[in-house]
Amino acid sequence: MRLLILQALKATSLEKSVFLRKERDAWAICENERAYREADEGELAKECEISTELQQKCTALATEAREAREKVTPLEKRVGDLAQESEVQRAAAERYKAEVARLEALLAEKDLALTQTRADLAAAQSEVARWHRSSAENEKQAKGRSCVFCLGPHVLGLSFLTFFFDLFFNRIGEEDGRGSLCRRGPTEVS
């Protein structure tokens, strides 16, 4: 019986020992869970702080972005106005360029006309100089000759044939430019 009691005590002691180990393991697990929970709570608190800080930063950034948008809106409007003014100025510049090109073409045309006029003037001056020389020569030749309607010593000797020849071929009155009816003397036949 003693043996039985001893065995029963050993069995009870073993059970108590197992129970105590289990109890100790359970308390260790509880302690570990509490430590983990406290660590998690600490991390959660840190995450909440970080989240709060991030929310504050986001709010501040949103405020800054709104203020920047408020500042950008007039600038965008001004840029649009400047772009429109630039387009207007570009169109005006194109019109001015077209006007300058038209005026340059007109100037070139006027220069050409001026050159032609100068050439015509030079030709006319040359013709006038030739007429003056011819007129001077005609005056020298006309000295001593008389008018057709005057009865002078040379008129009676002229034939009507010479008169008509001079009338039609020498253009009486046009060579000297005075429109007179004076003519050159009789044509000399060599």
Foldseek 3Di string as FASTA:
>chain_A
DVVVVVVVVVVVVVVVVVVVVVVVVVVVVVVVVVVVVVVVVVVVVVVVVVVVVVVVVVVVVVVVVVVVVVVVVVVVVVVVVVVVVVVVVVVVVVVVVVVVVVVVVVVVVVVVVVVVVVVVVVVVVVVVVVLVVVLVVQVVQQVVPDACPDDDPQNVVDDVVQVVCCVPPVVAQPSNVNNDRGDGGGDDDD
